[in-house]
Amino acid sequence: MSTRIGEASRDSAAGQNLLGARYRVVFIATMFTVCFFNFADRAVFAVLAQTIKQELLLTDFQIGILQGFSFALLYAGLGLPIGRLAERVSRVKIVACATLFWSAATACCGFASNFAQMMLARVGVGVGEAGFMPPTASLVSDHFPRERRASTMALIMLGTPAGLFFGSLIGGVVAGASGWRDSFFVLGAAGIVAGSLVFVVLREPSRGLVDGAAPTPRPPPAFGAFLREMRRKRALLLVTIGGGLAGFGMTSISQFLAVFLARAHHMPVREAATYYGTISAVSLMFGLLIGSFGTDLLAKRDGRWPAWGAAIGLCAAPFVYWVAFNTESKLAASVLLTAAGSVMLLFYGPTTAMIQNMLEPRMRATGAALFGILYTLFGAGFGPTFVGWMSDRMAERAFAQGGFLTHCPAGLANATMSETLAQACRSASTAGVRGALMIAVCVLFAAGCVYLLAARWLRENMYDPSSDGRA
């Protein structure tokens, strides 16, 4: 009897250490670092897409596949199994192993010499990055109470703008100095160091630690029980769907923004990378902080504000994007693109928190995984692929001579062309990506309407620890 009491006392003390201010700072800093490399590895491909396209002679559709389906297919397919695994085994180890895997795959992108090899490497990046969000969201819910989860996720997800900015900057500088391949090698090696750091500094908490749940060996609920919970809680289902739709517009823009800047504003790769990184970083930072801390504050007055805030941002963003895509001035376009991105991204932090707050502790990683599947499939999968396909189609329409891909191999002008034909190729290519992006952002209206609908049931669908998940 005394032995069991001693073990319980040690478990309680260990749990309190994981809820201490010092360890929470270490936890946030470490997960921020992992998030940094998660998005730095995505950014480096986005800013080098035009250069890779030219060297490997790819079409916009192929670039869209490399940034879309090749990355997203297994990312989405593995998200749910990883989420279910995270309900059973150490989430810290999952994050560490995933970081090591995607970083190695990023380095492999530097060895690709054709479309098929690059696609295989990008699949590897997607496989690894599938292991980040489900266990991370679940870990946050065990370290921080309901009213601090959105803001804590925002602090971790600040690794997104930092990763996009420095990934773009490093990618542009290294590519300008020694070639695009070395950019992948540098970021891949740094990510491996970050993955090793997770193993060293983080510890696995008990499930429901911050909610006061006693440690228990019981298995997580069956997947069927999770699906029943999704059907029962309409706000949970709608928030998950709305986030997936929002991901389509967001990823479409992020993966083709550097391409748009290079074409529409005649920027070399290093300048386009700097503009892309700055616009992405600033808009993400403001969107995440205002969306998360703002809705955490407003939710104290009315619990529906997380959904309302997301809806307002998603419905306002397309109007600003349409103006930005048609502005000739680089400075004005940059300001407008930053403003549009900030408004659009009001949805992200509150979405992850709402999903966690509506589920019991042993369903939270699964909930984050399902959101990740829809977000990745609609966003990273269909978004860039659709933009690439639509860009080729619209460039064909804008090319007065007809036969755009025939006269402009892979949609590019080259030195053997007459200046008239080269200019026609460049103009059509710019018109194509501009038109495709203007169409892609329209899906944000649909996402905003879904969040507005979710707000109707949001307060009543929140998880109540005293009822063991039966809100």
Protein backbone atom coordinates (compact mmCIF):
# COMPACT_ATOMS: atom_id res chain seq x y z
CA MET A 1 0.00 0.00 0.00
CA SER A 2 2.81 2.41 0.96
CA THR A 3 4.61 1.59 -2.30
CA ARG A 4 1.57 2.58 -4.37
CA ILE A 5 1.21 5.80 -2.37
CA GLY A 6 4.88 6.59 -2.98
CA GLU A 7 4.55 5.96 -6.70
CA ALA A 8 1.44 8.14 -6.90
CA SER A 9 3.27 10.90 -5.02
CA ARG A 10 6.21 10.75 -7.44
CA ASP A 11 3.85 10.80 -10.46
CA SER A 12 2.05 13.81 -9.00
CA ALA A 13 5.33 15.65 -8.39
CA ALA A 14 6.53 14.88 -11.92
CA GLY A 15 3.24 16.10 -13.34
CA GLN A 16 3.46 19.35 -11.40
CA ASN A 17 6.99 19.89 -12.75
CA LEU A 18 5.59 19.64 -16.29
CA LEU A 19 3.02 22.31 -15.38
CA GLY A 20 5.66 24.62 -13.91
CA ALA A 21 6.41 27.96 -15.58
CA ARG A 22 10.02 27.04 -16.41
CA TYR A 23 9.19 23.78 -18.15
CA ARG A 24 6.29 25.39 -20.04
CA VAL A 25 8.72 27.96 -21.45
CA VAL A 26 11.09 25.17 -22.51
CA PHE A 27 8.19 23.27 -24.08
CA ILE A 28 6.95 26.27 -26.08
CA ALA A 29 10.48 27.19 -27.21
CA THR A 30 11.25 23.65 -28.35
CA MET A 31 7.98 23.22 -30.23
CA PHE A 32 8.47 26.68 -31.77
CA THR A 33 11.83 25.48 -33.11
CA VAL A 34 10.28 22.35 -34.62
CA CYS A 35 7.51 24.44 -36.19
CA PHE A 36 10.17 26.79 -37.54
CA PHE A 37 11.84 24.02 -39.53
CA ASN A 38 8.50 22.53 -40.53
CA PHE A 39 7.68 25.70 -42.44
CA ALA A 40 11.22 26.69 -43.42
CA ASP A 41 11.41 23.42 -45.37
CA ARG A 42 8.15 24.30 -47.14
CA ALA A 43 9.20 27.89 -47.82
CA VAL A 44 12.48 26.99 -49.47
CA PHE A 45 10.68 25.06 -52.22
CA ALA A 46 8.12 27.83 -52.71
CA VAL A 47 10.74 30.54 -53.24
CA LEU A 48 12.90 28.35 -55.50
CA ALA A 49 9.97 27.01 -57.55
CA GLN A 50 10.62 29.35 -60.48
CA THR A 51 14.33 28.46 -60.53
CA ILE A 52 13.61 24.72 -60.23
CA LYS A 53 11.00 25.05 -62.98
CA GLN A 54 13.56 26.60 -65.32
CA GLU A 55 16.33 24.06 -64.65
CA LEU A 56 14.12 20.95 -64.74
CA LEU A 57 11.83 22.36 -67.50
CA LEU A 58 8.59 21.90 -65.59
CA THR A 59 5.11 23.31 -66.27
CA ASP A 60 3.12 25.22 -63.66
CA PHE A 61 0.93 22.14 -63.31
CA GLN A 62 3.98 20.04 -62.40
CA ILE A 63 5.13 22.71 -59.94
CA GLY A 64 1.62 22.60 -58.45
CA ILE A 65 1.85 18.82 -58.08
CA LEU A 66 5.25 19.08 -56.37
CA GLN A 67 3.90 21.67 -53.93
CA GLY A 68 0.48 20.01 -53.73
CA PHE A 69 -0.36 16.36 -54.18
CA SER A 70 3.16 14.93 -53.92
CA PHE A 71 3.50 16.65 -50.54
CA ALA A 72 -0.07 16.22 -49.34
CA LEU A 73 -1.09 12.73 -50.41
CA LEU A 74 0.75 10.70 -47.79
CA TYR A 75 0.69 13.65 -45.36
CA ALA A 76 -3.10 13.40 -45.35
CA GLY A 77 -3.13 9.61 -45.52
CA LEU A 78 -0.82 9.20 -42.53
CA GLY A 79 -2.32 11.99 -40.43
CA LEU A 80 -5.09 9.89 -38.91
CA PRO A 81 -2.95 6.80 -38.16
CA ILE A 82 -0.37 9.07 -36.52
CA GLY A 83 -3.14 10.79 -34.56
CA ARG A 84 -4.44 7.44 -33.32
CA LEU A 85 -0.87 6.36 -32.51
CA ALA A 86 -0.40 9.58 -30.52
CA GLU A 87 -3.32 8.55 -28.27
CA ARG A 88 -1.33 5.44 -27.27
CA VAL A 89 2.42 6.12 -27.32
CA SER A 90 4.80 8.96 -26.50
CA ARG A 91 3.85 12.07 -28.46
CA VAL A 92 7.28 13.58 -27.78
CA LYS A 93 8.99 10.68 -29.55
CA ILE A 94 6.59 10.96 -32.50
CA VAL A 95 7.44 14.66 -32.95
CA ALA A 96 11.17 13.98 -32.69
CA CYS A 97 11.17 11.10 -35.20
CA ALA A 98 8.95 13.02 -37.61
CA THR A 99 11.29 16.03 -37.53
CA LEU A 100 14.31 13.85 -38.30
CA PHE A 101 12.50 12.16 -41.19
CA TRP A 102 11.20 15.27 -42.96
CA SER A 103 14.56 17.04 -42.54
CA ALA A 104 16.36 14.15 -44.22
CA ALA A 105 13.77 14.20 -47.04
CA THR A 106 14.32 17.96 -47.47
CA ALA A 107 18.02 17.35 -47.96
CA CYS A 108 17.16 14.70 -50.56
CA CYS A 109 15.33 17.35 -52.63
CA GLY A 110 18.75 18.79 -53.40
CA PHE A 111 19.76 15.61 -55.25
CA ALA A 112 16.73 15.55 -57.60
CA SER A 113 17.51 15.86 -61.30
CA ASN A 114 14.01 15.38 -62.76
CA PHE A 115 10.32 15.64 -61.89
CA ALA A 116 9.97 12.04 -60.64
CA GLN A 117 12.92 12.27 -58.24
CA MET A 118 11.77 15.60 -56.86
CA MET A 119 8.26 14.22 -56.42
CA LEU A 120 9.59 11.25 -54.42
CA ALA A 121 11.58 13.57 -52.13
CA ARG A 122 8.55 15.81 -51.63
CA VAL A 123 6.47 12.77 -50.69
CA GLY A 124 9.08 12.07 -48.00
CA VAL A 125 8.78 15.62 -46.66
CA GLY A 126 5.00 15.20 -46.44
CA VAL A 127 5.31 11.84 -44.66
CA GLY A 128 7.53 13.38 -41.97
CA GLU A 129 5.56 16.58 -41.47
CA ALA A 130 2.37 14.55 -40.93
CA GLY A 131 3.79 13.71 -37.49
CA PHE A 132 3.94 17.28 -36.21
CA MET A 133 0.50 18.78 -35.63
CA PRO A 134 -1.60 15.94 -34.06
CA PRO A 135 0.81 15.16 -31.20
CA THR A 136 1.69 18.85 -30.74
CA ALA A 137 -1.94 19.95 -30.34
CA SER A 138 -2.52 17.09 -27.90
CA LEU A 139 0.58 18.01 -25.85
CA VAL A 140 -0.55 21.64 -25.61
CA SER A 141 -3.94 20.55 -24.25
CA ASP A 142 -2.18 18.60 -21.47
CA HIS A 143 0.11 21.49 -20.46
CA PHE A 144 -2.29 24.46 -20.64
CA PRO A 145 -5.92 25.08 -19.57
CA ARG A 146 -8.75 25.71 -22.05
CA GLU A 147 -8.56 29.51 -21.88
CA ARG A 148 -4.84 29.51 -22.80
CA ARG A 149 -4.71 26.90 -25.55
CA ALA A 150 -5.35 29.18 -28.52
CA SER A 151 -2.74 31.70 -27.37
CA THR A 152 -0.21 28.94 -26.58
CA MET A 153 -0.71 27.39 -30.01
CA ALA A 154 -0.21 30.87 -31.45
CA LEU A 155 3.17 31.17 -29.71
CA ILE A 156 4.26 27.79 -31.08
CA MET A 157 2.86 28.57 -34.52
CA LEU A 158 4.91 31.79 -34.61
CA GLY A 159 7.49 29.33 -35.84
CA THR A 160 5.48 29.46 -39.07
CA PRO A 161 6.22 33.10 -39.99
CA ALA A 162 9.74 32.82 -38.62
CA GLY A 163 10.31 29.64 -40.64
CA LEU A 164 8.81 31.12 -43.78
CA PHE A 165 10.88 34.30 -43.46
CA PHE A 166 14.24 32.72 -42.66
CA GLY A 167 13.62 29.71 -44.90
CA SER A 168 12.94 32.11 -47.76
CA LEU A 169 15.90 34.30 -46.87
CA ILE A 170 18.31 31.38 -46.47
CA GLY A 171 16.98 29.72 -49.60
CA GLY A 172 17.38 32.89 -51.65
CA VAL A 173 20.84 33.76 -50.32
CA VAL A 174 22.27 30.25 -50.62
CA ALA A 175 20.69 29.72 -54.06
CA GLY A 176 22.11 33.04 -55.26
CA ALA A 177 25.58 32.15 -53.97
CA SER A 178 25.96 28.47 -54.82
CA GLY A 179 22.75 27.12 -56.40
CA TRP A 180 19.30 26.00 -55.31
CA ARG A 181 20.38 22.50 -54.34
CA ASP A 182 22.57 23.73 -51.47
CA SER A 183 19.56 25.51 -49.96
CA PHE A 184 17.89 22.13 -49.37
CA PHE A 185 21.09 20.66 -47.91
CA VAL A 186 21.53 23.50 -45.41
CA LEU A 187 17.95 23.47 -44.09
CA GLY A 188 17.78 19.67 -44.01
CA ALA A 189 20.90 19.43 -41.85
CA ALA A 190 19.66 22.12 -39.43
CA GLY A 191 16.31 20.34 -39.08
CA ILE A 192 18.06 17.12 -38.05
CA VAL A 193 19.68 19.02 -35.17
CA ALA A 194 16.24 20.35 -34.12
CA GLY A 195 14.74 16.84 -34.14
CA SER A 196 17.53 15.59 -31.89
CA LEU A 197 16.84 18.46 -29.48
CA VAL A 198 13.26 17.25 -28.90
CA PHE A 199 14.54 13.89 -27.61
CA VAL A 200 16.83 15.62 -25.13
CA VAL A 201 14.70 18.35 -23.52
CA LEU A 202 11.02 17.28 -23.55
CA ARG A 203 9.13 14.78 -21.38
CA GLU A 204 5.81 13.03 -21.99
CA PRO A 205 2.93 14.25 -19.72
CA SER A 206 0.02 12.12 -18.55
CA ARG A 207 -3.22 12.47 -20.55
CA GLY A 208 -5.50 15.20 -19.23
CA LEU A 209 -2.79 16.41 -16.82
CA VAL A 210 -3.89 20.06 -16.70
CA ASP A 211 -7.59 19.07 -16.53
CA GLY A 212 -6.92 17.21 -13.28
CA ALA A 213 -7.54 13.76 -14.80
CA ALA A 214 -5.88 10.97 -12.84
CA PRO A 215 -3.27 8.95 -14.76
CA THR A 216 -4.95 5.77 -16.01
CA PRO A 217 -3.88 2.82 -18.13
CA ARG A 218 -7.23 2.66 -19.95
CA PRO A 219 -6.97 2.68 -23.75
CA PRO A 220 -8.21 5.63 -25.81
CA PRO A 221 -11.79 5.49 -27.13
CA ALA A 222 -12.28 3.49 -30.32
CA PHE A 223 -12.30 5.40 -33.59
CA GLY A 224 -16.02 4.70 -33.91
CA ALA A 225 -16.60 6.57 -30.65
CA PHE A 226 -14.65 9.51 -32.04
CA LEU A 227 -16.79 9.55 -35.19
CA ARG A 228 -19.94 9.46 -33.07
CA GLU A 229 -18.62 12.44 -31.14
CA MET A 230 -18.04 14.28 -34.43
CA ARG A 231 -21.61 13.60 -35.52
CA ARG A 232 -23.02 14.58 -32.13
CA LYS A 233 -21.13 17.87 -31.91
CA ARG A 234 -22.12 19.84 -34.98
CA ALA A 235 -19.77 22.74 -34.17
CA LEU A 236 -16.81 20.34 -34.08
CA LEU A 237 -17.66 18.92 -37.50
CA LEU A 238 -18.24 22.36 -39.04
CA VAL A 239 -15.06 23.90 -37.62
CA THR A 240 -13.06 20.98 -39.02
CA ILE A 241 -14.64 21.38 -42.47
CA GLY A 242 -14.26 25.16 -42.40
CA GLY A 243 -10.59 24.87 -41.55
CA GLY A 244 -10.06 22.48 -44.45
CA LEU A 245 -11.68 24.90 -46.90
CA ALA A 246 -9.67 27.82 -45.51
CA GLY A 247 -6.53 25.77 -46.04
CA PHE A 248 -7.28 25.61 -49.78
CA GLY A 249 -7.11 29.38 -50.16
CA MET A 250 -4.22 29.85 -47.76
CA THR A 251 -1.95 27.19 -49.26
CA SER A 252 -2.80 28.18 -52.84
CA ILE A 253 -1.49 31.65 -52.12
CA SER A 254 1.53 30.66 -50.03
CA GLN A 255 2.87 28.15 -52.56
CA PHE A 256 2.51 30.43 -55.60
CA LEU A 257 3.12 33.86 -54.08
CA ALA A 258 6.85 33.87 -54.80
CA VAL A 259 6.13 32.73 -58.38
CA PHE A 260 3.58 35.55 -58.75
CA LEU A 261 6.02 38.16 -57.40
CA ALA A 262 8.81 36.99 -59.70
CA ARG A 263 6.57 37.19 -62.78
CA ALA A 264 4.28 40.14 -62.08
CA HIS A 265 6.97 42.39 -60.60
CA HIS A 266 9.98 41.08 -62.57
CA MET A 267 12.01 40.01 -59.52
CA PRO A 268 15.10 37.79 -59.56
CA VAL A 269 15.01 34.78 -57.24
CA ARG A 270 16.79 36.46 -54.31
CA GLU A 271 14.52 39.53 -54.36
CA ALA A 272 11.37 37.43 -54.78
CA ALA A 273 12.48 35.25 -51.86
CA THR A 274 12.98 38.31 -49.63
CA TYR A 275 9.59 39.80 -50.51
CA TYR A 276 7.85 36.43 -50.13
CA GLY A 277 9.46 35.74 -46.77
CA THR A 278 8.71 39.20 -45.40
CA ILE A 279 5.07 39.25 -46.57
CA SER A 280 4.44 35.73 -45.29
CA ALA A 281 6.16 36.24 -41.95
CA VAL A 282 4.50 39.54 -41.08
CA SER A 283 1.01 38.45 -42.15
CA LEU A 284 1.30 35.14 -40.29
CA MET A 285 2.60 36.81 -37.16
CA PHE A 286 -0.22 39.36 -37.02
CA GLY A 287 -2.88 36.86 -38.09
CA LEU A 288 -1.87 34.28 -35.50
CA LEU A 289 -1.41 36.71 -32.62
CA ILE A 290 -4.53 38.80 -33.23
CA GLY A 291 -6.67 35.78 -34.08
CA SER A 292 -5.55 33.73 -31.08
CA PHE A 293 -5.04 36.26 -28.29
CA GLY A 294 -7.93 38.40 -29.54
CA THR A 295 -10.45 35.59 -29.60
CA ASP A 296 -9.17 34.20 -26.26
CA LEU A 297 -9.97 37.63 -24.80
CA LEU A 298 -13.31 38.09 -26.58
CA ALA A 299 -14.39 34.52 -25.76
CA LYS A 300 -14.58 35.55 -22.09
CA ARG A 301 -17.55 37.72 -23.09
CA ASP A 302 -19.08 35.30 -25.59
CA GLY A 303 -17.83 31.79 -26.32
CA ARG A 304 -18.75 32.10 -30.00
CA TRP A 305 -16.08 34.68 -30.79
CA PRO A 306 -13.42 32.16 -31.96
CA ALA A 307 -15.76 31.12 -34.80
CA TRP A 308 -17.01 34.65 -35.46
CA GLY A 309 -13.47 36.03 -35.69
CA ALA A 310 -12.44 33.34 -38.16
CA ALA A 311 -15.51 34.02 -40.31
CA ILE A 312 -14.92 37.78 -40.42
CA GLY A 313 -11.31 37.37 -41.53
CA LEU A 314 -12.05 34.75 -44.18
CA CYS A 315 -14.86 36.76 -45.75
CA ALA A 316 -12.85 40.02 -45.83
CA ALA A 317 -9.56 38.64 -47.18
CA PRO A 318 -10.54 37.95 -50.85
CA PHE A 319 -11.43 41.60 -51.49
CA VAL A 320 -7.98 42.75 -50.36
CA TYR A 321 -6.26 39.99 -52.35
CA TRP A 322 -8.06 40.97 -55.57
CA VAL A 323 -6.76 44.53 -55.27
CA ALA A 324 -3.25 43.33 -54.37
CA PHE A 325 -2.99 40.99 -57.37
CA ASN A 326 -3.81 43.84 -59.74
CA THR A 327 -1.57 46.54 -58.22
CA GLU A 328 1.45 47.59 -60.29
CA SER A 329 3.53 49.08 -57.47
CA LYS A 330 5.72 46.58 -55.63
CA LEU A 331 5.41 48.51 -52.38
CA ALA A 332 1.61 48.85 -52.57
CA ALA A 333 1.22 45.20 -53.57
CA SER A 334 3.41 44.10 -50.65
CA VAL A 335 1.41 46.12 -48.12
CA LEU A 336 -1.90 44.83 -49.48
CA LEU A 337 -0.71 41.20 -49.62
CA THR A 338 0.48 41.48 -46.01
CA ALA A 339 -2.86 42.95 -44.90
CA ALA A 340 -4.84 40.30 -46.78
CA GLY A 341 -2.77 37.48 -45.30
CA SER A 342 -3.13 38.87 -41.77
CA VAL A 343 -6.91 39.05 -42.07
CA MET A 344 -7.19 35.59 -43.64
CA LEU A 345 -5.06 33.96 -40.93
CA LEU A 346 -7.32 35.06 -38.09
CA PHE A 347 -8.89 31.59 -38.41
CA TYR A 348 -5.88 29.37 -37.73
CA GLY A 349 -5.10 29.67 -34.00
CA PRO A 350 -8.76 29.65 -32.85
CA THR A 351 -9.50 26.62 -35.05
CA THR A 352 -6.92 24.34 -33.44
CA ALA A 353 -8.01 25.50 -29.98
CA MET A 354 -11.74 25.01 -30.68
CA ILE A 355 -11.14 21.43 -31.81
CA GLN A 356 -9.12 20.63 -28.68
CA ASN A 357 -11.65 22.32 -26.40
CA MET A 358 -14.56 20.26 -27.75
CA LEU A 359 -12.89 16.87 -27.28
CA GLU A 360 -11.97 14.79 -24.25
CA PRO A 361 -8.20 14.35 -23.61
CA ARG A 362 -7.84 10.95 -25.32
CA MET A 363 -9.54 12.12 -28.51
CA ARG A 364 -7.57 15.34 -29.00
CA ALA A 365 -4.71 14.01 -31.11
CA THR A 366 -7.25 12.24 -33.34
CA GLY A 367 -9.24 15.48 -33.70
CA ALA A 368 -6.11 17.40 -34.65
CA ALA A 369 -5.22 14.65 -37.14
CA LEU A 370 -8.63 14.77 -38.83
CA PHE A 371 -8.36 18.55 -39.13
CA GLY A 372 -4.88 18.05 -40.56
CA ILE A 373 -6.19 15.61 -43.15
CA LEU A 374 -8.88 17.97 -44.44
CA TYR A 375 -6.59 20.99 -44.21
CA THR A 376 -3.84 19.17 -46.09
CA LEU A 377 -6.05 17.44 -48.65
CA PHE A 378 -8.04 20.56 -49.58
CA GLY A 379 -5.19 22.96 -48.89
CA ALA A 380 -1.77 21.55 -49.68
CA GLY A 381 -3.23 18.88 -51.98
CA PHE A 382 -5.87 20.51 -54.16
CA GLY A 383 -4.88 24.16 -53.65
CA PRO A 384 -1.46 24.45 -55.35
CA THR A 385 -2.34 21.72 -57.86
CA PHE A 386 -5.49 23.63 -58.87
CA VAL A 387 -3.58 26.92 -59.14
CA GLY A 388 -0.88 25.33 -61.30
CA TRP A 389 -3.43 23.69 -63.61
CA MET A 390 -5.56 26.83 -63.83
CA SER A 391 -2.48 28.99 -64.42
CA ASP A 392 -1.51 26.93 -67.48
CA ARG A 393 -5.09 27.10 -68.79
CA MET A 394 -5.39 30.87 -68.29
CA ALA A 395 -1.95 31.51 -69.77
CA GLU A 396 -3.06 29.59 -72.86
CA ARG A 397 -6.08 31.89 -73.16
CA ALA A 398 -3.91 35.01 -72.68
CA PHE A 399 -1.37 33.92 -75.35
CA ALA A 400 -2.69 35.53 -78.52
CA GLN A 401 -0.53 33.42 -80.86
CA GLY A 402 -2.09 30.16 -79.60
CA GLY A 403 -0.22 27.05 -78.43
CA PHE A 404 1.29 28.59 -75.29
CA LEU A 405 3.09 25.48 -74.03
CA THR A 406 4.37 24.77 -77.55
CA HIS A 407 5.75 28.23 -78.26
CA CYS A 408 6.86 28.78 -74.65
CA PRO A 409 8.40 25.45 -73.49
CA ALA A 410 7.30 24.77 -69.88
CA GLY A 411 5.69 28.22 -70.03
CA LEU A 412 9.04 30.00 -70.24
CA ALA A 413 10.70 32.49 -72.54
CA ASN A 414 14.22 31.63 -73.71
CA ALA A 415 17.18 33.25 -75.42
CA THR A 416 16.46 31.75 -78.86
CA MET A 417 13.10 33.54 -79.16
CA SER A 418 12.46 36.89 -80.76
CA GLU A 419 11.91 39.66 -78.23
CA THR A 420 8.26 39.94 -79.30
CA LEU A 421 7.58 36.27 -78.69
CA ALA A 422 9.53 36.27 -75.41
CA GLN A 423 7.50 39.20 -74.14
CA ALA A 424 4.27 37.47 -75.14
CA CYS A 425 5.35 34.36 -73.19
CA ARG A 426 6.17 36.40 -70.08
CA SER A 427 2.90 38.35 -70.24
CA ALA A 428 0.78 35.21 -70.68
CA SER A 429 2.62 33.44 -67.87
CA THR A 430 1.97 36.38 -65.53
CA ALA A 431 -1.70 36.60 -66.53
CA GLY A 432 -2.08 32.88 -65.88
CA VAL A 433 -0.81 32.84 -62.31
CA ARG A 434 -2.62 36.10 -61.46
CA GLY A 435 -5.96 34.81 -62.72
CA ALA A 436 -5.55 31.43 -61.02
CA LEU A 437 -4.83 33.03 -57.64
CA MET A 438 -7.82 35.38 -57.96
CA ILE A 439 -10.09 32.38 -58.50
CA ALA A 440 -8.52 30.32 -55.70
CA VAL A 441 -9.19 32.89 -52.96
CA CYS A 442 -12.95 32.71 -53.63
CA VAL A 443 -13.12 29.52 -51.56
CA LEU A 444 -12.46 31.66 -48.47
CA PHE A 445 -16.05 32.95 -48.68
CA ALA A 446 -17.37 29.39 -48.33
CA ALA A 447 -15.05 28.72 -45.40
CA GLY A 448 -16.25 31.87 -43.62
CA CYS A 449 -19.90 30.82 -43.99
CA VAL A 450 -19.13 27.42 -42.45
CA TYR A 451 -17.54 29.07 -39.40
CA LEU A 452 -20.58 31.34 -38.99
CA LEU A 453 -22.78 28.26 -38.95
CA ALA A 454 -20.50 26.53 -36.43
CA ALA A 455 -20.88 29.43 -33.99
CA ARG A 456 -24.53 28.44 -33.41
CA TRP A 457 -23.54 25.30 -31.47
CA LEU A 458 -20.04 26.20 -30.28
CA ARG A 459 -20.78 26.99 -26.62
CA GLU A 460 -22.94 23.94 -25.99
CA ASN A 461 -20.43 21.57 -27.66
CA MET A 462 -17.48 22.42 -25.36
CA TYR A 463 -15.90 19.55 -23.40
CA ASP A 464 -16.89 19.43 -19.74
CA PRO A 465 -14.37 17.50 -17.55
CA SER A 466 -16.99 16.89 -14.86
CA SER A 467 -19.15 14.91 -17.33
CA ASP A 468 -16.22 12.84 -18.69
CA GLY A 469 -16.61 14.21 -22.22
CA ARG A 470 -20.43 14.20 -22.39
CA ALA A 471 -20.85 17.94 -22.98
